[in-house]
Amino acid sequence: MLNDQTLDQATSDSERSIQLTKKRDKYIQTRIRQIRAWNMFGWLLWVLLGISCFWIYQQKPLYLNPSMLAGQIQVGKMPTNELLQLAALGSLIFWGFIALLAGFIFQIYTAMYSERKLIRLFETLHQQDLAQYQSSETTALRSESANKTNP
């Protein structure tokens, strides 16, 4: 009677373990797909950021080049010294925004890389755990069958 309860409990634990393993594997596969998708999307963001900077430089070079704006102010195309300060601060803010976007993209790349390493570690540990569980389950079944044949 006790062996039957133990066997039923082991079976239900095994079924729960299999269900958790399936859920875990599904989650891992989903995250791996998301990481691969980010790698493609991230490159697209880098390209868009570069194209945007190039386009702004072509269309409005004064936004990115404070020395050009300062030169135009000195020539007399811009009226006051306030524009000189605006030229320095405005371009710094613009470059700061570009750096912020670049840092954001880089941070996501770093997070995805770290998560991929963690998933690889998790998969390795899972395979080791599964192998150990299967070997201990096989040993338990052998000992139970040996106990049944030798009363």
C-alpha atoms as a PDB file:
ATOM      1  CA  MET A   1       0.000   0.000   0.000  1.00  0.00           C
ATOM      2  CA  LEU A   2       2.785   2.405   0.937  1.00  0.00           C
ATOM      3  CA  ASN A   3       4.705   1.542  -2.239  1.00  0.00           C
ATOM      4  CA  ASP A   4       1.588   2.245  -4.347  1.00  0.00           C
ATOM      5  CA  GLN A   5       1.187   5.695  -2.742  1.00  0.00           C
ATOM      6  CA  THR A   6       4.862   6.415  -3.241  1.00  0.00           C
ATOM      7  CA  LEU A   7       4.636   5.284  -6.860  1.00  0.00           C
ATOM      8  CA  ASP A   8       1.506   7.418  -7.448  1.00  0.00           C
ATOM      9  CA  GLN A   9       3.212  10.429  -5.890  1.00  0.00           C
ATOM     10  CA  ALA A  10       6.325   9.843  -7.983  1.00  0.00           C
ATOM     11  CA  THR A  11       4.166   9.579 -11.099  1.00  0.00           C
ATOM     12  CA  SER A  12       2.301  12.810 -10.328  1.00  0.00           C
ATOM     13  CA  ASP A  13       5.598  14.555  -9.539  1.00  0.00           C
ATOM     14  CA  SER A  14       6.977  13.265 -12.820  1.00  0.00           C
ATOM     15  CA  GLU A  15       3.914  14.546 -14.717  1.00  0.00           C
ATOM     16  CA  ARG A  16       4.213  17.965 -13.061  1.00  0.00           C
ATOM     17  CA  SER A  17       7.896  18.031 -13.867  1.00  0.00           C
ATOM     18  CA  ILE A  18       7.183  17.209 -17.509  1.00  0.00           C
ATOM     19  CA  GLN A  19       4.532  19.951 -17.697  1.00  0.00           C
ATOM     20  CA  LEU A  20       6.907  22.478 -16.156  1.00  0.00           C
ATOM     21  CA  THR A  21       9.636  21.374 -18.537  1.00  0.00           C
ATOM     22  CA  LYS A  22       7.330  21.907 -21.521  1.00  0.00           C
ATOM     23  CA  LYS A  23       6.311  25.374 -20.269  1.00  0.00           C
ATOM     24  CA  ARG A  24       9.925  26.269 -19.585  1.00  0.00           C
ATOM     25  CA  ASP A  25      11.046  25.077 -23.024  1.00  0.00           C
ATOM     26  CA  LYS A  26       8.252  27.048 -24.688  1.00  0.00           C
ATOM     27  CA  TYR A  27       9.244  30.192 -22.771  1.00  0.00           C
ATOM     28  CA  ILE A  28      12.911  29.741 -23.653  1.00  0.00           C
ATOM     29  CA  GLN A  29      12.098  29.278 -27.342  1.00  0.00           C
ATOM     30  CA  THR A  30       9.919  32.405 -27.272  1.00  0.00           C
ATOM     31  CA  ARG A  31      12.710  34.469 -25.689  1.00  0.00           C
ATOM     32  CA  ILE A  32      15.265  33.138 -28.197  1.00  0.00           C
ATOM     33  CA  ARG A  33      12.966  34.194 -31.069  1.00  0.00           C
ATOM     34  CA  GLN A  34      12.605  37.636 -29.483  1.00  0.00           C
ATOM     35  CA  ILE A  35      16.377  37.972 -29.115  1.00  0.00           C
ATOM     36  CA  ARG A  36      16.895  37.051 -32.779  1.00  0.00           C
ATOM     37  CA  ALA A  37      14.168  39.498 -33.804  1.00  0.00           C
ATOM     38  CA  TRP A  38      15.835  42.241 -31.755  1.00  0.00           C
ATOM     39  CA  ASN A  39      19.146  41.628 -33.496  1.00  0.00           C
ATOM     40  CA  MET A  40      17.475  42.381 -36.825  1.00  0.00           C
ATOM     41  CA  PHE A  41      15.383  45.259 -35.450  1.00  0.00           C
ATOM     42  CA  GLY A  42      18.355  46.725 -33.605  1.00  0.00           C
ATOM     43  CA  TRP A  43      20.408  46.949 -36.794  1.00  0.00           C
ATOM     44  CA  LEU A  44      17.472  48.668 -38.438  1.00  0.00           C
ATOM     45  CA  LEU A  45      17.440  51.238 -35.593  1.00  0.00           C
ATOM     46  CA  TRP A  46      21.191  51.864 -35.996  1.00  0.00           C
ATOM     47  CA  VAL A  47      20.728  52.391 -39.729  1.00  0.00           C
ATOM     48  CA  LEU A  48      17.761  54.722 -39.171  1.00  0.00           C
ATOM     49  CA  LEU A  49      19.710  56.716 -36.595  1.00  0.00           C
ATOM     50  CA  GLY A  50      22.654  57.060 -38.972  1.00  0.00           C
ATOM     51  CA  ILE A  51      20.434  58.026 -41.907  1.00  0.00           C
ATOM     52  CA  SER A  52      18.596  60.566 -39.730  1.00  0.00           C
ATOM     53  CA  CYS A  53      21.859  62.174 -38.630  1.00  0.00           C
ATOM     54  CA  PHE A  54      23.105  62.294 -42.214  1.00  0.00           C
ATOM     55  CA  TRP A  55      19.825  63.770 -43.464  1.00  0.00           C
ATOM     56  CA  ILE A  56      19.770  66.430 -40.749  1.00  0.00           C
ATOM     57  CA  TYR A  57      23.383  67.298 -41.503  1.00  0.00           C
ATOM     58  CA  GLN A  58      22.528  67.656 -45.210  1.00  0.00           C
ATOM     59  CA  GLN A  59      19.333  69.652 -44.637  1.00  0.00           C
ATOM     60  CA  LYS A  60      20.186  71.710 -41.539  1.00  0.00           C
ATOM     61  CA  PRO A  61      23.928  71.555 -40.871  1.00  0.00           C
ATOM     62  CA  LEU A  62      23.652  74.342 -38.331  1.00  0.00           C
ATOM     63  CA  TYR A  63      21.845  71.955 -35.969  1.00  0.00           C
ATOM     64  CA  LEU A  64      24.850  69.656 -35.787  1.00  0.00           C
ATOM     65  CA  ASN A  65      27.779  71.965 -36.400  1.00  0.00           C
ATOM     66  CA  PRO A  66      28.115  74.746 -33.829  1.00  0.00           C
ATOM     67  CA  SER A  67      31.297  76.098 -35.405  1.00  0.00           C
ATOM     68  CA  MET A  68      29.454  76.661 -38.699  1.00  0.00           C
ATOM     69  CA  LEU A  69      26.701  78.522 -36.878  1.00  0.00           C
ATOM     70  CA  ALA A  70      29.268  80.529 -34.942  1.00  0.00           C
ATOM     71  CA  GLY A  71      31.000  81.379 -38.237  1.00  0.00           C
ATOM     72  CA  GLN A  72      27.734  82.614 -39.744  1.00  0.00           C
ATOM     73  CA  ILE A  73      27.114  84.729 -36.664  1.00  0.00           C
ATOM     74  CA  GLN A  74      30.603  86.250 -36.939  1.00  0.00           C
ATOM     75  CA  VAL A  75      30.093  87.020 -40.612  1.00  0.00           C
ATOM     76  CA  GLY A  76      26.964  88.898 -39.674  1.00  0.00           C
ATOM     77  CA  LYS A  77      24.228  86.656 -40.963  1.00  0.00           C
ATOM     78  CA  MET A  78      22.998  86.137 -37.393  1.00  0.00           C
ATOM     79  CA  PRO A  79      22.382  89.225 -35.227  1.00  0.00           C
ATOM     80  CA  THR A  80      23.326  88.706 -31.542  1.00  0.00           C
ATOM     81  CA  ASN A  81      25.625  87.001 -29.074  1.00  0.00           C
ATOM     82  CA  GLU A  82      22.676  85.059 -27.723  1.00  0.00           C
ATOM     83  CA  LEU A  83      22.629  83.085 -30.940  1.00  0.00           C
ATOM     84  CA  LEU A  84      26.243  82.139 -30.289  1.00  0.00           C
ATOM     85  CA  GLN A  85      25.250  80.650 -26.931  1.00  0.00           C
ATOM     86  CA  LEU A  86      22.239  78.994 -28.519  1.00  0.00           C
ATOM     87  CA  ALA A  87      24.465  77.521 -31.188  1.00  0.00           C
ATOM     88  CA  ALA A  88      26.712  75.882 -28.607  1.00  0.00           C
ATOM     89  CA  LEU A  89      23.958  74.699 -26.282  1.00  0.00           C
ATOM     90  CA  GLY A  90      21.485  73.732 -28.999  1.00  0.00           C
ATOM     91  CA  SER A  91      23.905  71.483 -30.827  1.00  0.00           C
ATOM     92  CA  LEU A  92      25.066  69.961 -27.551  1.00  0.00           C
ATOM     93  CA  ILE A  93      21.471  69.086 -26.707  1.00  0.00           C
ATOM     94  CA  PHE A  94      20.974  67.639 -30.173  1.00  0.00           C
ATOM     95  CA  TRP A  95      24.150  65.546 -29.937  1.00  0.00           C
ATOM     96  CA  GLY A  96      23.111  64.519 -26.424  1.00  0.00           C
ATOM     97  CA  PHE A  97      19.807  63.256 -27.790  1.00  0.00           C
ATOM     98  CA  ILE A  98      21.618  61.261 -30.479  1.00  0.00           C
ATOM     99  CA  ALA A  99      23.940  59.808 -27.823  1.00  0.00           C
ATOM    100  CA  LEU A 100      20.924  58.957 -25.665  1.00  0.00           C
ATOM    101  CA  LEU A 101      19.292  57.050 -28.520  1.00  0.00           C
ATOM    102  CA  ALA A 102      22.539  55.266 -29.323  1.00  0.00           C
ATOM    103  CA  GLY A 103      22.984  54.366 -25.634  1.00  0.00           C
ATOM    104  CA  PHE A 104      19.431  53.058 -25.473  1.00  0.00           C
ATOM    105  CA  ILE A 105      19.979  50.808 -28.486  1.00  0.00           C
ATOM    106  CA  PHE A 106      23.325  49.628 -27.090  1.00  0.00           C
ATOM    107  CA  GLN A 107      21.768  48.899 -23.695  1.00  0.00           C
ATOM    108  CA  ILE A 108      19.101  46.718 -25.264  1.00  0.00           C
ATOM    109  CA  TYR A 109      21.781  44.837 -27.219  1.00  0.00           C
ATOM    110  CA  THR A 110      23.694  44.257 -24.004  1.00  0.00           C
ATOM    111  CA  ALA A 111      20.575  43.044 -22.179  1.00  0.00           C
ATOM    112  CA  MET A 112      19.688  40.650 -24.990  1.00  0.00           C
ATOM    113  CA  TYR A 113      23.252  39.324 -25.087  1.00  0.00           C
ATOM    114  CA  SER A 114      23.237  38.748 -21.335  1.00  0.00           C
ATOM    115  CA  GLU A 115      19.856  37.049 -21.494  1.00  0.00           C
ATOM    116  CA  ARG A 116      21.055  34.777 -24.293  1.00  0.00           C
ATOM    117  CA  LYS A 117      24.045  33.759 -22.159  1.00  0.00           C
ATOM    118  CA  LEU A 118      21.690  33.106 -19.239  1.00  0.00           C
ATOM    119  CA  ILE A 119      19.402  30.987 -21.424  1.00  0.00           C
ATOM    120  CA  ARG A 120      22.380  28.927 -22.618  1.00  0.00           C
ATOM    121  CA  LEU A 121      23.436  28.378 -19.006  1.00  0.00           C
ATOM    122  CA  PHE A 122      19.869  27.490 -18.076  1.00  0.00           C
ATOM    123  CA  GLU A 123      19.620  24.999 -20.957  1.00  0.00           C
ATOM    124  CA  THR A 124      22.881  23.366 -19.904  1.00  0.00           C
ATOM    125  CA  LEU A 125      21.749  23.058 -16.289  1.00  0.00           C
ATOM    126  CA  HIS A 126      18.365  21.774 -17.433  1.00  0.00           C
ATOM    127  CA  GLN A 127      19.987  19.066 -19.553  1.00  0.00           C
ATOM    128  CA  GLN A 128      22.196  18.039 -16.624  1.00  0.00           C
ATOM    129  CA  ASP A 129      19.203  18.033 -14.280  1.00  0.00           C
ATOM    130  CA  LEU A 130      17.139  16.001 -16.727  1.00  0.00           C
ATOM    131  CA  ALA A 131      19.919  13.466 -17.178  1.00  0.00           C
ATOM    132  CA  GLN A 132      20.345  13.145 -13.411  1.00  0.00           C
ATOM    133  CA  TYR A 133      16.583  12.829 -12.897  1.00  0.00           C
ATOM    134  CA  GLN A 134      16.285  10.138 -15.549  1.00  0.00           C
ATOM    135  CA  SER A 135      19.210   8.179 -14.115  1.00  0.00           C
ATOM    136  CA  SER A 136      17.781   8.366 -10.570  1.00  0.00           C
ATOM    137  CA  GLU A 137      14.310   7.399 -11.866  1.00  0.00           C
ATOM    138  CA  THR A 138      15.792   4.403 -13.697  1.00  0.00           C
ATOM    139  CA  THR A 139      17.663   3.370 -10.544  1.00  0.00           C
ATOM    140  CA  ALA A 140      14.483   3.674  -8.465  1.00  0.00           C
ATOM    141  CA  LEU A 141      12.477   1.593 -10.932  1.00  0.00           C
ATOM    142  CA  ARG A 142      15.182  -1.089 -10.971  1.00  0.00           C
ATOM    143  CA  SER A 143      15.258  -1.239  -7.180  1.00  0.00           C
ATOM    144  CA  GLU A 144      11.438  -1.454  -7.043  1.00  0.00           C
ATOM    145  CA  SER A 145      11.380  -4.290  -9.543  1.00  0.00           C
ATOM    146  CA  ALA A 146      14.159  -6.032  -7.606  1.00  0.00           C
ATOM    147  CA  ASN A 147      12.128  -5.661  -4.388  1.00  0.00           C
ATOM    148  CA  LYS A 148       9.036  -7.141  -6.047  1.00  0.00           C
ATOM    149  CA  THR A 149      10.938 -10.174  -7.332  1.00  0.00           C
ATOM    150  CA  ASN A 150      12.670 -10.734  -3.979  1.00  0.00           C
ATOM    151  CA  PRO A 151       9.970 -10.605  -1.302  1.00  0.00           C
END
